[in-house]
């Protein structure tokens, strides 16, 4: 089998490259193309597969629909863009409750102001939902390759909640009622973080306006996704700490994935803090270094591990 990123690298050799540096094609969170008016148009797509990205014995079809929409919207957030429109393609077995599925899709569409304007329905042995979204940006989108040595590294929220929510859902389904000291509200937050993640659209906008040099959404885990930024930018990472959501573990924060928070780099702390006025302040976690091989946290090396598909 081949890793997801090795497969992408191989596919790239068969496809044309962007005609100029104003466009971004394969290799970032979203494609950036010339727009009809002021600013570029962005395009992103993501796929959610039942049994791979969602266990329907633990969460509902409406949750899967919500997640499919927010996963694509999160890619726009990672560029500092605003949602515009969505196309939804559903392939599924006979008897799939499309009403329930589209209840979740529609709820996320309304929440983020991204109307569903078309798509496709077809049959398949397993449920597969693909959402393609367009977006706009009133300036230059933030790409993965702009970080420089000395830039500060931030995350938009504590991490690991989605993975901890999945762990607790699995334990509950198995009948494990071992007390863990969490309040009902904390436990519900973890469940919702897994079932109904948020797309950090306002935070992405704030990071862009605050001068973020590089950014990515945390879908595969902080260690893996931040390493993508470091590799694209040619910098190293010296992290001081990682903020862990209440009820989660450090391993879940570093490699659990599905948080859809943002991690970004920026040269100036003051401009970022000013840009986030009125929002939950981001958390500074480290610095970019001039050694592209460096990956340390609190002085110890970490591996860029996280969720990765094998194809």
Foldseek 3Di string as FASTA:
>chain_A
DAWPVVVVVVVVVVDDDDPDPLWADPQWLWTWAPDPDAFTKTKHKDKDWDPPQHPCVLAPLLLSLLLRQLVNLLSCLQQLWAWEEKEKEKEEAPPPPVVSNVNNNVVNCVVRVYYYDYYYYYYDHTIMMMMMTMTGDNDGTATLAFDDFQWFKWWADAFLLQLLLVVVSVCVVVVNPDDDPDDPVLNVSSVCLNRRAHRPNLLSNLCVQLAWRHKDFFAFFQLQTNLSSLVSHVWAWEWADGGHRPSGDPCSRGAVGSNSIMMTTGNDPVSSQVSCVVHRRIGTTTTIRNHSPHAYYNRHHDHSHGDIDDD
